[in-house]
């Protein structure tokens, strides 16, 4: 492997726009979607141009555009426009809390210690740009820490089953395992309907020097029964304080199969969500059922068929072996300990 994987740097800010790598067509095409306004960034997130942690970076970049759009307004008007743009970005993908946290983090960083605003529009743009850069860097650092903890759970020669695209978490875990001299093997689910596992996870693993095995989503139980993998590892879009793992739909099926065949299942998240005490506090995004009737832009179901698409599911704590955060490895019932000071993570 040379350099960082392509998908590790998929959002870039230019002098007059934000460019987002179109994950709907990668790796068959390396196409960048140009967004000239914060609203266009929001639409790109909604339309699945970017997924997983991509929307976090798109959201912070979108706030930079929003600040540029408001640079000629009085400070309070400009900040109100910025907050409105932030609300719009948060609404694009309600299940993953990373967009919410990114928007809130940038807005809070723009204010001085007394809640005051930058004096001019240019100063607002500068402050938002710096806050966005700092938030992105902090997320990458948290992912790297998480990756080191996750790699510690994987023995040399481990055969790892993945589901969907774990993005920065997976890349950091693989890099940490490689630095530790561990040899890993991977089995990836294809992940309908956007095939993130086939196109993003598998492609990135190839880029990082592996030759993953691809299975359809319906093969997970059989693959584990056949001994194709000895550990299941996924990201989590959100983890509640009572240990529920919310992730791409199909994760629950992976956890059930892993439980049935005695395979440990580990979920990766930089931190549980302090605003989600239980699963009742999480909005599960329901996308247009028409999306499951198509694959890569081509309809695969007969006319008259109705689709159903809950984009995420919730895995109960009893099916989760451990939750890995930037601070360590926790049993689901102890995931609140992530916030303890000092930290004493319990290795599972």
C-alpha atoms as a PDB file:
ATOM      1  CA  UNK A   1       0.000   0.000   0.000  1.00  0.00           C
ATOM      2  CA  UNK A   2       1.250   3.489  -0.820  1.00  0.00           C
ATOM      3  CA  UNK A   3      -0.265   6.592   0.734  1.00  0.00           C
ATOM      4  CA  UNK A   4      -3.680   6.724   2.348  1.00  0.00           C
ATOM      5  CA  UNK A   5      -6.738   5.031   0.838  1.00  0.00           C
ATOM      6  CA  UNK A   6      -8.741   7.161  -1.585  1.00  0.00           C
ATOM      7  CA  UNK A   7     -11.849   7.095   0.595  1.00  0.00           C
ATOM      8  CA  UNK A   8      -9.948   8.427   3.606  1.00  0.00           C
ATOM      9  CA  UNK A   9      -9.933  11.892   2.015  1.00  0.00           C
ATOM     10  CA  UNK A  10     -13.214  12.266   0.156  1.00  0.00           C
ATOM     11  CA  UNK A  11     -14.317  15.852   0.852  1.00  0.00           C
ATOM     12  CA  UNK A  12     -12.341  18.917  -0.144  1.00  0.00           C
ATOM     13  CA  UNK A  13     -12.932  22.640   0.120  1.00  0.00           C
ATOM     14  CA  UNK A  14     -11.925  24.841  -2.809  1.00  0.00           C
ATOM     15  CA  UNK A  15     -11.942  28.614  -3.182  1.00  0.00           C
ATOM     16  CA  UNK A  16     -15.569  28.655  -4.299  1.00  0.00           C
ATOM     17  CA  UNK A  17     -17.107  25.240  -3.581  1.00  0.00           C
ATOM     18  CA  UNK A  18     -17.039  21.919  -1.782  1.00  0.00           C
ATOM     19  CA  UNK A  19     -16.188  18.820  -3.791  1.00  0.00           C
ATOM     20  CA  UNK A  20     -17.425  15.439  -2.555  1.00  0.00           C
ATOM     21  CA  UNK A  21     -16.226  12.118  -3.911  1.00  0.00           C
ATOM     22  CA  UNK A  22     -19.284  10.332  -5.276  1.00  0.00           C
ATOM     23  CA  UNK A  23     -19.381   7.056  -3.368  1.00  0.00           C
ATOM     24  CA  UNK A  24     -22.391   5.906  -5.387  1.00  0.00           C
ATOM     25  CA  UNK A  25     -20.132   5.140  -8.355  1.00  0.00           C
ATOM     26  CA  UNK A  26     -16.760   4.480  -6.713  1.00  0.00           C
ATOM     27  CA  UNK A  27     -14.558   2.515  -7.494  1.00  0.00           C
ATOM     28  CA  UNK A  28     -15.777   2.214 -11.071  1.00  0.00           C
ATOM     29  CA  UNK A  29     -15.536   5.983 -11.422  1.00  0.00           C
ATOM     30  CA  UNK A  30     -13.648   8.559  -9.396  1.00  0.00           C
ATOM     31  CA  UNK A  31     -16.149  11.374  -9.759  1.00  0.00           C
ATOM     32  CA  UNK A  32     -16.394  14.497  -7.622  1.00  0.00           C
ATOM     33  CA  UNK A  33     -19.718  16.256  -7.052  1.00  0.00           C
ATOM     34  CA  UNK A  34     -19.261  20.019  -6.903  1.00  0.00           C
ATOM     35  CA  UNK A  35     -21.437  21.866  -4.377  1.00  0.00           C
ATOM     36  CA  UNK A  36     -21.463  25.649  -4.650  1.00  0.00           C
ATOM     37  CA  UNK A  37     -23.800  26.251  -1.681  1.00  0.00           C
ATOM     38  CA  UNK A  38     -24.471  24.722   1.715  1.00  0.00           C
ATOM     39  CA  UNK A  39     -27.880  23.622   0.420  1.00  0.00           C
ATOM     40  CA  UNK A  40     -26.221  21.673  -2.377  1.00  0.00           C
ATOM     41  CA  UNK A  41     -24.028  19.960   0.233  1.00  0.00           C
ATOM     42  CA  UNK A  42     -27.160  19.000   2.169  1.00  0.00           C
ATOM     43  CA  UNK A  43     -28.753  17.592  -0.972  1.00  0.00           C
ATOM     44  CA  UNK A  44     -25.611  15.602  -1.765  1.00  0.00           C
ATOM     45  CA  UNK A  45     -25.700  14.017   1.702  1.00  0.00           C
ATOM     46  CA  UNK A  46     -29.393  13.168   1.317  1.00  0.00           C
ATOM     47  CA  UNK A  47     -28.791  11.636  -2.103  1.00  0.00           C
ATOM     48  CA  UNK A  48     -26.094   9.295  -0.732  1.00  0.00           C
ATOM     49  CA  UNK A  49     -23.231  10.930  -2.617  1.00  0.00           C
ATOM     50  CA  UNK A  50     -21.319  10.368   0.612  1.00  0.00           C
ATOM     51  CA  UNK A  51     -21.945   7.908   3.446  1.00  0.00           C
ATOM     52  CA  UNK A  52     -20.586   6.690   6.785  1.00  0.00           C
ATOM     53  CA  UNK A  53     -18.219   9.358   8.159  1.00  0.00           C
ATOM     54  CA  UNK A  54     -18.273  11.209   4.828  1.00  0.00           C
ATOM     55  CA  UNK A  55     -21.314  13.291   5.859  1.00  0.00           C
ATOM     56  CA  UNK A  56     -19.396  14.555   8.903  1.00  0.00           C
ATOM     57  CA  UNK A  57     -16.684  16.056   6.705  1.00  0.00           C
ATOM     58  CA  UNK A  58     -19.280  17.249   4.201  1.00  0.00           C
ATOM     59  CA  UNK A  59     -21.221  18.960   6.990  1.00  0.00           C
ATOM     60  CA  UNK A  60     -18.246  20.893   8.339  1.00  0.00           C
ATOM     61  CA  UNK A  61     -17.353  21.895   4.785  1.00  0.00           C
ATOM     62  CA  UNK A  62     -20.976  22.903   4.195  1.00  0.00           C
ATOM     63  CA  UNK A  63     -20.773  25.235   7.177  1.00  0.00           C
ATOM     64  CA  UNK A  64     -17.747  26.891   5.603  1.00  0.00           C
ATOM     65  CA  UNK A  65     -19.845  27.555   2.502  1.00  0.00           C
ATOM     66  CA  UNK A  66     -22.679  28.873   4.673  1.00  0.00           C
ATOM     67  CA  UNK A  67     -20.287  31.297   6.363  1.00  0.00           C
ATOM     68  CA  UNK A  68     -19.050  32.477   2.978  1.00  0.00           C
ATOM     69  CA  UNK A  69     -22.646  32.983   1.845  1.00  0.00           C
ATOM     70  CA  UNK A  70     -23.328  35.171   4.910  1.00  0.00           C
ATOM     71  CA  UNK A  71     -20.047  37.094   4.936  1.00  0.00           C
ATOM     72  CA  UNK A  72     -21.696  40.423   3.984  1.00  0.00           C
ATOM     73  CA  UNK A  73     -24.430  40.209   6.631  1.00  0.00           C
ATOM     74  CA  UNK A  74     -24.272  41.810  10.083  1.00  0.00           C
ATOM     75  CA  UNK A  75     -22.763  39.403  12.653  1.00  0.00           C
ATOM     76  CA  UNK A  76     -26.026  38.282  14.283  1.00  0.00           C
ATOM     77  CA  UNK A  77     -27.764  37.835  10.948  1.00  0.00           C
ATOM     78  CA  UNK A  78     -24.794  35.920   9.600  1.00  0.00           C
ATOM     79  CA  UNK A  79     -24.690  33.615  12.608  1.00  0.00           C
ATOM     80  CA  UNK A  80     -28.449  33.011  12.358  1.00  0.00           C
ATOM     81  CA  UNK A  81     -27.983  31.986   8.718  1.00  0.00           C
ATOM     82  CA  UNK A  82     -25.115  29.742   9.754  1.00  0.00           C
ATOM     83  CA  UNK A  83     -27.253  28.072  12.418  1.00  0.00           C
ATOM     84  CA  UNK A  84     -30.084  27.577   9.921  1.00  0.00           C
ATOM     85  CA  UNK A  85     -27.683  25.943   7.472  1.00  0.00           C
ATOM     86  CA  UNK A  86     -26.503  23.723  10.305  1.00  0.00           C
ATOM     87  CA  UNK A  87     -30.053  22.652  11.106  1.00  0.00           C
ATOM     88  CA  UNK A  88     -30.562  21.761   7.462  1.00  0.00           C
ATOM     89  CA  UNK A  89     -27.405  19.648   7.423  1.00  0.00           C
ATOM     90  CA  UNK A  90     -28.394  17.829  10.634  1.00  0.00           C
ATOM     91  CA  UNK A  91     -31.775  16.936   9.148  1.00  0.00           C
ATOM     92  CA  UNK A  92     -30.220  15.161   6.156  1.00  0.00           C
ATOM     93  CA  UNK A  93     -29.336  11.923   7.991  1.00  0.00           C
ATOM     94  CA  UNK A  94     -30.992  11.803  11.431  1.00  0.00           C
ATOM     95  CA  UNK A  95     -29.735   8.428  12.695  1.00  0.00           C
ATOM     96  CA  UNK A  96     -25.991   9.101  12.805  1.00  0.00           C
ATOM     97  CA  UNK A  97     -25.180  11.754  15.421  1.00  0.00           C
ATOM     98  CA  UNK A  98     -21.853  12.755  13.859  1.00  0.00           C
ATOM     99  CA  UNK A  99     -23.423  15.489  11.716  1.00  0.00           C
ATOM    100  CA  UNK A 100     -25.245  16.891  14.745  1.00  0.00           C
ATOM    101  CA  UNK A 101     -22.079  16.875  16.831  1.00  0.00           C
ATOM    102  CA  UNK A 102     -20.015  18.401  14.025  1.00  0.00           C
ATOM    103  CA  UNK A 103     -22.466  21.252  13.500  1.00  0.00           C
ATOM    104  CA  UNK A 104     -22.770  21.951  17.206  1.00  0.00           C
ATOM    105  CA  UNK A 105     -19.017  21.764  17.666  1.00  0.00           C
ATOM    106  CA  UNK A 106     -18.295  24.245  14.888  1.00  0.00           C
ATOM    107  CA  UNK A 107     -20.990  26.682  16.020  1.00  0.00           C
ATOM    108  CA  UNK A 108     -19.739  26.603  19.605  1.00  0.00           C
ATOM    109  CA  UNK A 109     -16.143  27.116  18.502  1.00  0.00           C
ATOM    110  CA  UNK A 110     -17.082  30.241  16.546  1.00  0.00           C
ATOM    111  CA  UNK A 111     -18.289  31.994  19.701  1.00  0.00           C
ATOM    112  CA  UNK A 112     -15.771  33.513  22.091  1.00  0.00           C
ATOM    113  CA  UNK A 113     -15.697  32.664  25.792  1.00  0.00           C
ATOM    114  CA  UNK A 114     -18.490  35.116  26.493  1.00  0.00           C
ATOM    115  CA  UNK A 115     -20.735  33.966  23.676  1.00  0.00           C
ATOM    116  CA  UNK A 116     -19.651  36.843  21.442  1.00  0.00           C
ATOM    117  CA  UNK A 117     -19.545  36.677  17.643  1.00  0.00           C
ATOM    118  CA  UNK A 118     -16.753  37.544  15.219  1.00  0.00           C
ATOM    119  CA  UNK A 119     -16.912  41.246  14.405  1.00  0.00           C
ATOM    120  CA  UNK A 120     -16.997  40.933  10.620  1.00  0.00           C
ATOM    121  CA  UNK A 121     -18.124  38.495   7.979  1.00  0.00           C
ATOM    122  CA  UNK A 122     -14.542  37.789   6.972  1.00  0.00           C
ATOM    123  CA  UNK A 123     -13.675  36.946  10.567  1.00  0.00           C
ATOM    124  CA  UNK A 124     -16.694  34.631  10.700  1.00  0.00           C
ATOM    125  CA  UNK A 125     -15.500  32.779   7.596  1.00  0.00           C
ATOM    126  CA  UNK A 126     -12.033  32.467   9.079  1.00  0.00           C
ATOM    127  CA  UNK A 127     -13.405  31.222  12.412  1.00  0.00           C
ATOM    128  CA  UNK A 128     -15.716  28.655  10.809  1.00  0.00           C
ATOM    129  CA  UNK A 129     -12.974  27.426   8.486  1.00  0.00           C
ATOM    130  CA  UNK A 130     -10.594  26.912  11.403  1.00  0.00           C
ATOM    131  CA  UNK A 131     -13.289  25.263  13.557  1.00  0.00           C
ATOM    132  CA  UNK A 132     -14.186  22.892  10.718  1.00  0.00           C
ATOM    133  CA  UNK A 133     -10.535  21.973  10.213  1.00  0.00           C
ATOM    134  CA  UNK A 134     -10.063  21.367  13.938  1.00  0.00           C
ATOM    135  CA  UNK A 135     -13.203  19.211  14.202  1.00  0.00           C
ATOM    136  CA  UNK A 136     -12.149  17.077  11.233  1.00  0.00           C
ATOM    137  CA  UNK A 137      -8.661  16.598  12.680  1.00  0.00           C
ATOM    138  CA  UNK A 138     -10.064  15.650  16.093  1.00  0.00           C
ATOM    139  CA  UNK A 139     -12.347  13.050  14.511  1.00  0.00           C
ATOM    140  CA  UNK A 140      -9.438  11.500  12.637  1.00  0.00           C
ATOM    141  CA  UNK A 141      -7.428  11.378  15.863  1.00  0.00           C
ATOM    142  CA  UNK A 142     -10.316   9.686  17.700  1.00  0.00           C
ATOM    143  CA  UNK A 143     -10.623   7.165  14.877  1.00  0.00           C
ATOM    144  CA  UNK A 144      -6.918   6.379  15.090  1.00  0.00           C
ATOM    145  CA  UNK A 145      -7.194   5.768  18.845  1.00  0.00           C
ATOM    146  CA  UNK A 146     -10.241   3.568  18.297  1.00  0.00           C
ATOM    147  CA  UNK A 147      -8.384   1.629  15.632  1.00  0.00           C
ATOM    148  CA  UNK A 148      -5.554   0.796  18.013  1.00  0.00           C
ATOM    149  CA  UNK A 149      -8.021  -0.588  20.568  1.00  0.00           C
ATOM    150  CA  UNK A 150      -9.908  -2.563  17.912  1.00  0.00           C
ATOM    151  CA  UNK A 151      -6.721  -4.047  16.461  1.00  0.00           C
ATOM    152  CA  UNK A 152      -5.890  -5.306  19.946  1.00  0.00           C
ATOM    153  CA  UNK A 153      -8.976  -7.529  19.791  1.00  0.00           C
ATOM    154  CA  UNK A 154      -7.832  -9.205  16.591  1.00  0.00           C
ATOM    155  CA  UNK A 155      -5.347 -12.019  16.820  1.00  0.00           C
ATOM    156  CA  UNK A 156      -2.724 -12.672  14.206  1.00  0.00           C
ATOM    157  CA  UNK A 157      -4.455 -14.564  11.405  1.00  0.00           C
ATOM    158  CA  UNK A 158      -7.945 -13.429  12.415  1.00  0.00           C
ATOM    159  CA  UNK A 159     -10.646 -13.849   9.777  1.00  0.00           C
ATOM    160  CA  UNK A 160     -12.853 -10.777  10.027  1.00  0.00           C
ATOM    161  CA  UNK A 161     -16.438 -10.455   8.804  1.00  0.00           C
ATOM    162  CA  UNK A 162     -17.484  -6.894   7.980  1.00  0.00           C
ATOM    163  CA  UNK A 163     -20.850  -5.382   7.122  1.00  0.00           C
ATOM    164  CA  UNK A 164     -21.322  -2.188   5.124  1.00  0.00           C
ATOM    165  CA  UNK A 165     -18.543   0.412   5.148  1.00  0.00           C
ATOM    166  CA  UNK A 166     -16.883   1.277   8.474  1.00  0.00           C
ATOM    167  CA  UNK A 167     -14.856   4.068   6.854  1.00  0.00           C
ATOM    168  CA  UNK A 168     -12.266   5.786   9.088  1.00  0.00           C
ATOM    169  CA  UNK A 169     -12.794   3.208  11.832  1.00  0.00           C
ATOM    170  CA  UNK A 170     -11.935   0.280   9.573  1.00  0.00           C
ATOM    171  CA  UNK A 171      -8.998   2.037   7.934  1.00  0.00           C
ATOM    172  CA  UNK A 172      -7.552   2.923  11.351  1.00  0.00           C
ATOM    173  CA  UNK A 173      -8.062  -0.632  12.630  1.00  0.00           C
ATOM    174  CA  UNK A 174      -6.339  -2.157   9.619  1.00  0.00           C
ATOM    175  CA  UNK A 175      -3.458   0.309   9.823  1.00  0.00           C
ATOM    176  CA  UNK A 176      -2.982  -0.465  13.527  1.00  0.00           C
ATOM    177  CA  UNK A 177      -3.039  -4.210  12.850  1.00  0.00           C
ATOM    178  CA  UNK A 178      -0.476  -3.790  10.084  1.00  0.00           C
ATOM    179  CA  UNK A 179       1.780  -1.745  12.370  1.00  0.00           C
ATOM    180  CA  UNK A 180       1.538  -4.569  14.931  1.00  0.00           C
ATOM    181  CA  UNK A 181       2.594  -7.077  12.265  1.00  0.00           C
ATOM    182  CA  UNK A 182      -0.724  -8.923  12.310  1.00  0.00           C
ATOM    183  CA  UNK A 183      -1.963 -10.799   9.276  1.00  0.00           C
ATOM    184  CA  UNK A 184      -5.741 -10.524   8.763  1.00  0.00           C
ATOM    185  CA  UNK A 185      -8.256 -11.949   6.340  1.00  0.00           C
ATOM    186  CA  UNK A 186     -11.601 -10.346   5.472  1.00  0.00           C
ATOM    187  CA  UNK A 187     -15.069 -11.450   4.462  1.00  0.00           C
ATOM    188  CA  UNK A 188     -17.276  -8.559   3.319  1.00  0.00           C
ATOM    189  CA  UNK A 189     -21.046  -8.482   2.877  1.00  0.00           C
ATOM    190  CA  UNK A 190     -22.128  -6.753  -0.323  1.00  0.00           C
ATOM    191  CA  UNK A 191     -24.631  -4.525   1.569  1.00  0.00           C
ATOM    192  CA  UNK A 192     -27.776  -3.827  -0.421  1.00  0.00           C
ATOM    193  CA  UNK A 193     -29.060  -1.595  -1.899  1.00  0.00           C
ATOM    194  CA  UNK A 194     -25.970   0.610  -2.435  1.00  0.00           C
ATOM    195  CA  UNK A 195     -23.381  -2.186  -2.234  1.00  0.00           C
ATOM    196  CA  UNK A 196     -21.103  -0.253   0.118  1.00  0.00           C
ATOM    197  CA  UNK A 197     -19.495  -3.466   1.303  1.00  0.00           C
ATOM    198  CA  UNK A 198     -18.707  -4.607  -2.215  1.00  0.00           C
ATOM    199  CA  UNK A 199     -17.653  -1.253  -3.641  1.00  0.00           C
ATOM    200  CA  UNK A 200     -16.221   0.641  -0.665  1.00  0.00           C
ATOM    201  CA  UNK A 201     -15.065  -1.846   1.984  1.00  0.00           C
ATOM    202  CA  UNK A 202     -13.752  -4.509  -0.372  1.00  0.00           C
ATOM    203  CA  UNK A 203     -12.150  -1.979  -2.718  1.00  0.00           C
ATOM    204  CA  UNK A 204     -10.395  -0.191   0.137  1.00  0.00           C
ATOM    205  CA  UNK A 205      -9.136  -3.470   1.602  1.00  0.00           C
ATOM    206  CA  UNK A 206      -7.693  -4.370  -1.795  1.00  0.00           C
ATOM    207  CA  UNK A 207      -6.069  -0.951  -1.881  1.00  0.00           C
ATOM    208  CA  UNK A 208      -4.557  -1.710   1.545  1.00  0.00           C
ATOM    209  CA  UNK A 209      -3.068  -4.987   0.368  1.00  0.00           C
ATOM    210  CA  UNK A 210      -5.759  -7.598   1.097  1.00  0.00           C
ATOM    211  CA  UNK A 211      -7.795  -9.979  -1.026  1.00  0.00           C
ATOM    212  CA  UNK A 212     -11.190  -9.989   0.706  1.00  0.00           C
ATOM    213  CA  UNK A 213     -13.923 -12.534   0.091  1.00  0.00           C
ATOM    214  CA  UNK A 214     -17.311 -11.072  -0.895  1.00  0.00           C
ATOM    215  CA  UNK A 215     -20.618 -12.621   0.179  1.00  0.00           C
ATOM    216  CA  UNK A 216     -24.198 -11.528  -0.307  1.00  0.00           C
ATOM    217  CA  UNK A 217     -26.074 -10.228   2.728  1.00  0.00           C
ATOM    218  CA  UNK A 218     -28.101 -13.422   2.933  1.00  0.00           C
ATOM    219  CA  UNK A 219     -24.985 -15.603   3.266  1.00  0.00           C
ATOM    220  CA  UNK A 220     -23.792 -14.369   6.680  1.00  0.00           C
ATOM    221  CA  UNK A 221     -25.207 -17.232   8.746  1.00  0.00           C
ATOM    222  CA  UNK A 222     -23.948 -19.863   6.305  1.00  0.00           C
ATOM    223  CA  UNK A 223     -20.516 -18.244   6.102  1.00  0.00           C
ATOM    224  CA  UNK A 224     -20.183 -18.350   9.876  1.00  0.00           C
ATOM    225  CA  UNK A 225     -21.527 -21.899  10.027  1.00  0.00           C
ATOM    226  CA  UNK A 226     -18.893 -22.869   7.469  1.00  0.00           C
ATOM    227  CA  UNK A 227     -16.160 -21.274   9.572  1.00  0.00           C
ATOM    228  CA  UNK A 228     -15.347 -18.588   7.015  1.00  0.00           C
ATOM    229  CA  UNK A 229     -14.820 -15.950   9.745  1.00  0.00           C
ATOM    230  CA  UNK A 230     -14.053 -16.075  13.447  1.00  0.00           C
ATOM    231  CA  UNK A 231     -14.903 -12.482  14.420  1.00  0.00           C
ATOM    232  CA  UNK A 232     -17.510  -9.961  13.236  1.00  0.00           C
ATOM    233  CA  UNK A 233     -16.547  -6.298  13.166  1.00  0.00           C
ATOM    234  CA  UNK A 234     -18.763  -3.379  12.138  1.00  0.00           C
ATOM    235  CA  UNK A 235     -18.964   0.322  12.668  1.00  0.00           C
ATOM    236  CA  UNK A 236     -21.866   1.861  14.547  1.00  0.00           C
ATOM    237  CA  UNK A 237     -23.707   4.948  13.397  1.00  0.00           C
ATOM    238  CA  UNK A 238     -24.782   5.465  16.981  1.00  0.00           C
ATOM    239  CA  UNK A 239     -24.443   3.663  20.313  1.00  0.00           C
ATOM    240  CA  UNK A 240     -26.883   4.391  23.118  1.00  0.00           C
ATOM    241  CA  UNK A 241     -25.907   4.647  26.750  1.00  0.00           C
ATOM    242  CA  UNK A 242     -27.668   1.354  27.461  1.00  0.00           C
ATOM    243  CA  UNK A 243     -25.537  -0.427  24.860  1.00  0.00           C
ATOM    244  CA  UNK A 244     -27.734  -0.661  21.764  1.00  0.00           C
ATOM    245  CA  UNK A 245     -25.763  -0.567  18.505  1.00  0.00           C
ATOM    246  CA  UNK A 246     -27.433   1.302  15.647  1.00  0.00           C
ATOM    247  CA  UNK A 247     -25.883   0.660  12.255  1.00  0.00           C
ATOM    248  CA  UNK A 248     -26.640  -0.090   8.619  1.00  0.00           C
ATOM    249  CA  UNK A 249     -29.641  -2.383   8.282  1.00  0.00           C
ATOM    250  CA  UNK A 250     -28.447  -5.980   8.281  1.00  0.00           C
ATOM    251  CA  UNK A 251     -26.138  -5.497  11.256  1.00  0.00           C
ATOM    252  CA  UNK A 252     -28.754  -7.086  13.512  1.00  0.00           C
ATOM    253  CA  UNK A 253     -28.716 -10.160  11.283  1.00  0.00           C
ATOM    254  CA  UNK A 254     -24.914 -10.314  11.508  1.00  0.00           C
ATOM    255  CA  UNK A 255     -25.088 -10.118  15.306  1.00  0.00           C
ATOM    256  CA  UNK A 256     -27.771 -12.798  15.512  1.00  0.00           C
ATOM    257  CA  UNK A 257     -25.778 -15.153  13.316  1.00  0.00           C
ATOM    258  CA  UNK A 258     -22.568 -14.457  15.231  1.00  0.00           C
ATOM    259  CA  UNK A 259     -24.352 -15.181  18.506  1.00  0.00           C
ATOM    260  CA  UNK A 260     -25.782 -18.423  17.133  1.00  0.00           C
ATOM    261  CA  UNK A 261     -22.367 -19.723  16.066  1.00  0.00           C
ATOM    262  CA  UNK A 262     -20.297 -18.470  18.984  1.00  0.00           C
ATOM    263  CA  UNK A 263     -18.500 -15.763  17.015  1.00  0.00           C
ATOM    264  CA  UNK A 264     -17.678 -12.529  18.893  1.00  0.00           C
ATOM    265  CA  UNK A 265     -19.211  -9.345  17.507  1.00  0.00           C
ATOM    266  CA  UNK A 266     -17.454  -6.026  18.127  1.00  0.00           C
ATOM    267  CA  UNK A 267     -18.949  -2.619  17.233  1.00  0.00           C
ATOM    268  CA  UNK A 268     -16.778   0.428  16.564  1.00  0.00           C
ATOM    269  CA  UNK A 269     -17.802   3.976  17.507  1.00  0.00           C
ATOM    270  CA  UNK A 270     -15.600   6.867  18.591  1.00  0.00           C
ATOM    271  CA  UNK A 271     -17.965   7.541  21.508  1.00  0.00           C
ATOM    272  CA  UNK A 272     -21.473   6.567  22.629  1.00  0.00           C
ATOM    273  CA  UNK A 273     -24.071   9.298  22.287  1.00  0.00           C
ATOM    274  CA  UNK A 274     -24.702  11.017  25.639  1.00  0.00           C
ATOM    275  CA  UNK A 275     -28.009  12.314  24.260  1.00  0.00           C
ATOM    276  CA  UNK A 276     -29.332   8.800  23.590  1.00  0.00           C
ATOM    277  CA  UNK A 277     -30.012   7.093  26.904  1.00  0.00           C
ATOM    278  CA  UNK A 278     -31.997   4.294  25.249  1.00  0.00           C
ATOM    279  CA  UNK A 279     -32.934   3.153  21.757  1.00  0.00           C
ATOM    280  CA  UNK A 280     -36.141   5.193  22.068  1.00  0.00           C
ATOM    281  CA  UNK A 281     -33.985   8.322  21.766  1.00  0.00           C
ATOM    282  CA  UNK A 282     -32.746   7.362  18.283  1.00  0.00           C
ATOM    283  CA  UNK A 283     -34.582   8.210  15.065  1.00  0.00           C
ATOM    284  CA  UNK A 284     -34.211   5.309  12.637  1.00  0.00           C
ATOM    285  CA  UNK A 285     -34.067   6.763   9.148  1.00  0.00           C
ATOM    286  CA  UNK A 286     -36.649   5.352   6.752  1.00  0.00           C
ATOM    287  CA  UNK A 287     -35.650   5.898   3.169  1.00  0.00           C
ATOM    288  CA  UNK A 288     -37.765   5.663   0.029  1.00  0.00           C
ATOM    289  CA  UNK A 289     -38.598   2.004  -0.578  1.00  0.00           C
ATOM    290  CA  UNK A 290     -38.024   2.581  -4.274  1.00  0.00           C
ATOM    291  CA  UNK A 291     -34.272   2.528  -3.544  1.00  0.00           C
ATOM    292  CA  UNK A 292     -34.287  -1.224  -2.839  1.00  0.00           C
ATOM    293  CA  UNK A 293     -35.878  -1.852  -6.226  1.00  0.00           C
ATOM    294  CA  UNK A 294     -32.686  -0.646  -7.904  1.00  0.00           C
ATOM    295  CA  UNK A 295     -29.002  -1.578  -7.878  1.00  0.00           C
ATOM    296  CA  UNK A 296     -26.422   0.877  -9.210  1.00  0.00           C
ATOM    297  CA  UNK A 297     -29.129   2.887 -10.918  1.00  0.00           C
ATOM    298  CA  UNK A 298     -30.782  -0.069 -12.632  1.00  0.00           C
ATOM    299  CA  UNK A 299     -34.175  -1.438 -11.634  1.00  0.00           C
ATOM    300  CA  UNK A 300     -34.007  -5.074 -10.518  1.00  0.00           C
ATOM    301  CA  UNK A 301     -37.643  -5.648  -9.491  1.00  0.00           C
ATOM    302  CA  UNK A 302     -40.722  -6.059 -11.661  1.00  0.00           C
ATOM    303  CA  UNK A 303     -43.207  -3.235 -12.036  1.00  0.00           C
ATOM    304  CA  UNK A 304     -45.851  -3.350  -9.336  1.00  0.00           C
ATOM    305  CA  UNK A 305     -43.393  -4.427  -6.612  1.00  0.00           C
ATOM    306  CA  UNK A 306     -43.232  -2.251  -3.478  1.00  0.00           C
ATOM    307  CA  UNK A 307     -39.968  -1.657  -1.636  1.00  0.00           C
ATOM    308  CA  UNK A 308     -39.361  -1.245   2.104  1.00  0.00           C
ATOM    309  CA  UNK A 309     -36.192   0.404   3.352  1.00  0.00           C
ATOM    310  CA  UNK A 310     -35.382   1.076   6.999  1.00  0.00           C
ATOM    311  CA  UNK A 311     -31.807   2.276   6.448  1.00  0.00           C
ATOM    312  CA  UNK A 312     -30.610   1.223   9.913  1.00  0.00           C
ATOM    313  CA  UNK A 313     -31.399  -1.356  12.552  1.00  0.00           C
ATOM    314  CA  UNK A 314     -30.738  -1.645  16.284  1.00  0.00           C
ATOM    315  CA  UNK A 315     -28.797  -4.529  17.792  1.00  0.00           C
ATOM    316  CA  UNK A 316     -29.595  -5.142  21.479  1.00  0.00           C
ATOM    317  CA  UNK A 317     -26.742  -5.255  23.989  1.00  0.00           C
ATOM    318  CA  UNK A 318     -27.120  -9.004  24.623  1.00  0.00           C
ATOM    319  CA  UNK A 319     -25.889  -9.700  21.065  1.00  0.00           C
ATOM    320  CA  UNK A 320     -22.847  -7.423  21.282  1.00  0.00           C
ATOM    321  CA  UNK A 321     -19.570  -8.777  22.654  1.00  0.00           C
ATOM    322  CA  UNK A 322     -17.936  -5.392  23.041  1.00  0.00           C
ATOM    323  CA  UNK A 323     -18.138  -1.775  21.990  1.00  0.00           C
ATOM    324  CA  UNK A 324     -14.840  -0.194  21.023  1.00  0.00           C
ATOM    325  CA  UNK A 325     -14.422   3.563  21.451  1.00  0.00           C
ATOM    326  CA  UNK A 326     -11.481   5.932  21.352  1.00  0.00           C
ATOM    327  CA  UNK A 327     -10.998   5.288  25.085  1.00  0.00           C
ATOM    328  CA  UNK A 328     -11.016   1.505  25.071  1.00  0.00           C
ATOM    329  CA  UNK A 329     -13.068  -1.667  24.895  1.00  0.00           C
ATOM    330  CA  UNK A 330     -16.301  -1.924  26.873  1.00  0.00           C
ATOM    331  CA  UNK A 331     -18.955  -4.477  27.560  1.00  0.00           C
ATOM    332  CA  UNK A 332     -22.270  -2.991  26.326  1.00  0.00           C
ATOM    333  CA  UNK A 333     -23.570  -2.695  29.897  1.00  0.00           C
ATOM    334  CA  UNK A 334     -20.479  -0.631  30.783  1.00  0.00           C
ATOM    335  CA  UNK A 335     -20.308   1.640  27.765  1.00  0.00           C
ATOM    336  CA  UNK A 336     -21.129   4.675  29.941  1.00  0.00           C
ATOM    337  CA  UNK A 337     -17.677   4.175  31.453  1.00  0.00           C
ATOM    338  CA  UNK A 338     -16.315   5.739  28.274  1.00  0.00           C
ATOM    339  CA  UNK A 339     -17.130   9.076  29.890  1.00  0.00           C
ATOM    340  CA  UNK A 340     -15.518   8.232  33.231  1.00  0.00           C
ATOM    341  CA  UNK A 341     -12.527  10.263  34.374  1.00  0.00           C
ATOM    342  CA  UNK A 342     -10.032   8.749  34.800  1.00  0.00           C
ATOM    343  CA  UNK A 343     -10.841   6.032  32.297  1.00  0.00           C
ATOM    344  CA  UNK A 344     -10.630   2.375  33.296  1.00  0.00           C
ATOM    345  CA  UNK A 345     -11.950   0.582  30.205  1.00  0.00           C
ATOM    346  CA  UNK A 346     -12.708  -3.056  30.740  1.00  0.00           C
ATOM    347  CA  UNK A 347     -11.125  -5.225  28.113  1.00  0.00           C
ATOM    348  CA  UNK A 348     -13.602  -7.754  26.802  1.00  0.00           C
END
